[in-house]
Amino acid sequence: MPFSIAIANTSEQYDCQPDQTLLGGMEKLGRKGIPVGCRGGGCGVCKVRIESGHVRHDRMSRCHVSAAEEAQGYVLACRAYPQSDLALRAVDKLARCIERHAATASRNSSSPT
């Protein structure tokens, strides 16, 4: 049974299977709310904060997610699997680029032609 994943930065929502990473589920459906990098946990580009819900995750590099951050809900989306419906937020520099792009796209789609 898939879980519903909501990305606060872009107001996107997608379904993700429990055996699929958060990043993999997003990419499979053609969404763009989480920044994509190496897909293996080495770059830290897909860092997100889980705002509600539960995930299980594979080992993450402490270079990208410290123990303190992990305790606050930060994970790498390429290493995290949903265990319930989730609300998350992309973080760090690339998240701001995605937010700007989403805002621009929203303004352009609501403008009269």
Protein backbone atom coordinates (compact mmCIF):
# COMPACT_ATOMS: atom_id res chain seq x y z
CA MET A 1 0.00 0.00 0.00
CA PRO A 2 1.52 3.35 -0.98
CA PHE A 3 1.88 6.24 1.42
CA SER A 4 1.06 9.84 0.56
CA ILE A 5 4.06 12.20 0.57
CA ALA A 6 3.48 15.96 0.71
CA ILE A 7 6.35 18.35 -0.11
CA ALA A 8 5.80 21.67 1.67
CA ASN A 9 8.23 23.68 -0.50
CA THR A 10 6.29 23.07 -3.70
CA SER A 11 2.85 21.96 -2.45
CA GLU A 12 3.34 18.76 -4.46
CA GLN A 13 2.01 15.42 -3.34
CA TYR A 14 2.84 11.94 -4.57
CA ASP A 15 2.43 8.32 -3.54
CA CYS A 16 5.43 6.25 -2.51
CA GLN A 17 5.67 2.53 -1.80
CA PRO A 18 7.25 1.44 1.52
CA ASP A 19 10.05 -0.35 -0.37
CA GLN A 20 10.84 2.75 -2.45
CA THR A 21 12.99 5.67 -1.32
CA LEU A 22 11.32 9.05 -0.98
CA LEU A 23 13.53 10.32 -3.80
CA GLY A 24 12.87 7.31 -6.04
CA GLY A 25 9.11 7.60 -5.61
CA MET A 26 9.21 11.29 -6.47
CA GLU A 27 11.37 10.75 -9.56
CA LYS A 28 9.25 7.85 -10.80
CA LEU A 29 6.20 10.12 -10.86
CA GLY A 30 8.05 12.99 -12.55
CA ARG A 31 7.83 15.35 -9.57
CA LYS A 32 10.55 17.91 -8.83
CA GLY A 33 10.04 18.90 -5.19
CA ILE A 34 13.19 17.27 -3.79
CA PRO A 35 16.62 18.20 -5.21
CA VAL A 36 18.33 15.27 -6.95
CA GLY A 37 22.05 14.55 -6.78
CA CYS A 38 23.99 11.29 -6.71
CA ARG A 39 21.05 9.12 -5.52
CA GLY A 40 23.36 7.15 -3.21
CA GLY A 41 23.80 9.28 -0.09
CA GLY A 42 27.19 10.71 -1.03
CA CYS A 43 26.32 14.29 -1.95
CA GLY A 44 23.63 15.36 0.55
CA VAL A 45 21.66 17.28 -2.08
CA CYS A 46 18.37 15.50 -1.30
CA LYS A 47 18.36 16.43 2.39
CA VAL A 48 14.83 16.85 3.73
CA ARG A 49 13.19 17.41 7.09
CA ILE A 50 10.33 15.13 8.00
CA GLU A 51 7.67 17.41 9.45
CA SER A 52 5.15 14.66 10.20
CA GLY A 53 5.04 10.91 9.76
CA HIS A 54 7.62 8.16 10.05
CA VAL A 55 10.44 6.84 7.86
CA ARG A 56 13.02 4.13 8.15
CA HIS A 57 16.36 4.88 6.61
CA ASP A 58 19.59 3.30 5.54
CA ARG A 59 22.87 4.54 6.93
CA MET A 60 23.50 8.22 6.15
CA SER A 61 26.81 10.07 5.99
CA ARG A 62 27.41 12.22 9.07
CA CYS A 63 29.00 14.71 6.68
CA HIS A 64 25.48 15.48 5.45
CA VAL A 65 23.18 14.62 8.38
CA SER A 66 24.57 14.97 11.89
CA ALA A 67 23.19 12.95 14.79
CA ALA A 68 21.58 16.14 16.13
CA GLU A 69 19.92 16.83 12.75
CA GLU A 70 18.72 13.24 12.50
CA ALA A 71 17.09 13.62 15.92
CA GLN A 72 15.28 16.70 14.55
CA GLY A 73 13.86 14.73 11.60
CA TYR A 74 16.47 15.38 8.89
CA VAL A 75 17.20 12.54 6.44
CA LEU A 76 18.54 12.06 2.95
CA ALA A 77 15.56 11.30 0.70
CA CYS A 78 17.65 8.81 -1.29
CA ARG A 79 18.17 6.76 1.90
CA ALA A 80 14.70 7.07 3.49
CA TYR A 81 11.62 4.87 3.05
CA PRO A 82 8.10 5.91 4.11
CA GLN A 83 6.45 4.03 6.96
CA SER A 84 3.37 6.26 7.04
CA ASP A 85 1.93 9.25 5.20
CA LEU A 86 4.51 12.06 5.37
CA ALA A 87 4.87 15.80 5.21
CA LEU A 88 8.41 16.90 4.41
CA ARG A 89 10.38 19.95 3.41
CA ALA A 90 13.48 20.10 1.21
CA VAL A 91 16.25 22.04 2.95
CA ASP A 92 19.54 23.79 2.25
CA LYS A 93 20.57 25.85 -0.78
CA LEU A 94 18.94 23.80 -3.52
CA ALA A 95 15.61 23.88 -1.72
CA ARG A 96 15.54 27.66 -2.15
CA CYS A 97 16.08 27.22 -5.91
CA ILE A 98 13.15 24.80 -6.07
CA GLU A 99 10.95 27.19 -4.07
CA ARG A 100 11.78 30.07 -6.42
CA HIS A 101 11.05 27.88 -9.46
CA ALA A 102 7.73 26.73 -7.98
CA ALA A 103 6.71 30.31 -7.18
CA THR A 104 7.59 31.46 -10.70
CA ALA A 105 5.70 28.55 -12.28
CA SER A 106 2.69 29.29 -10.10
CA ARG A 107 2.67 32.97 -11.06
CA ASN A 108 3.06 32.12 -14.75
CA SER A 109 0.23 29.59 -14.70
CA SER A 110 -2.16 32.03 -13.02
CA SER A 111 -1.35 34.94 -15.34
CA PRO A 112 -3.90 35.69 -18.04
CA THR A 113 -2.67 35.02 -21.58
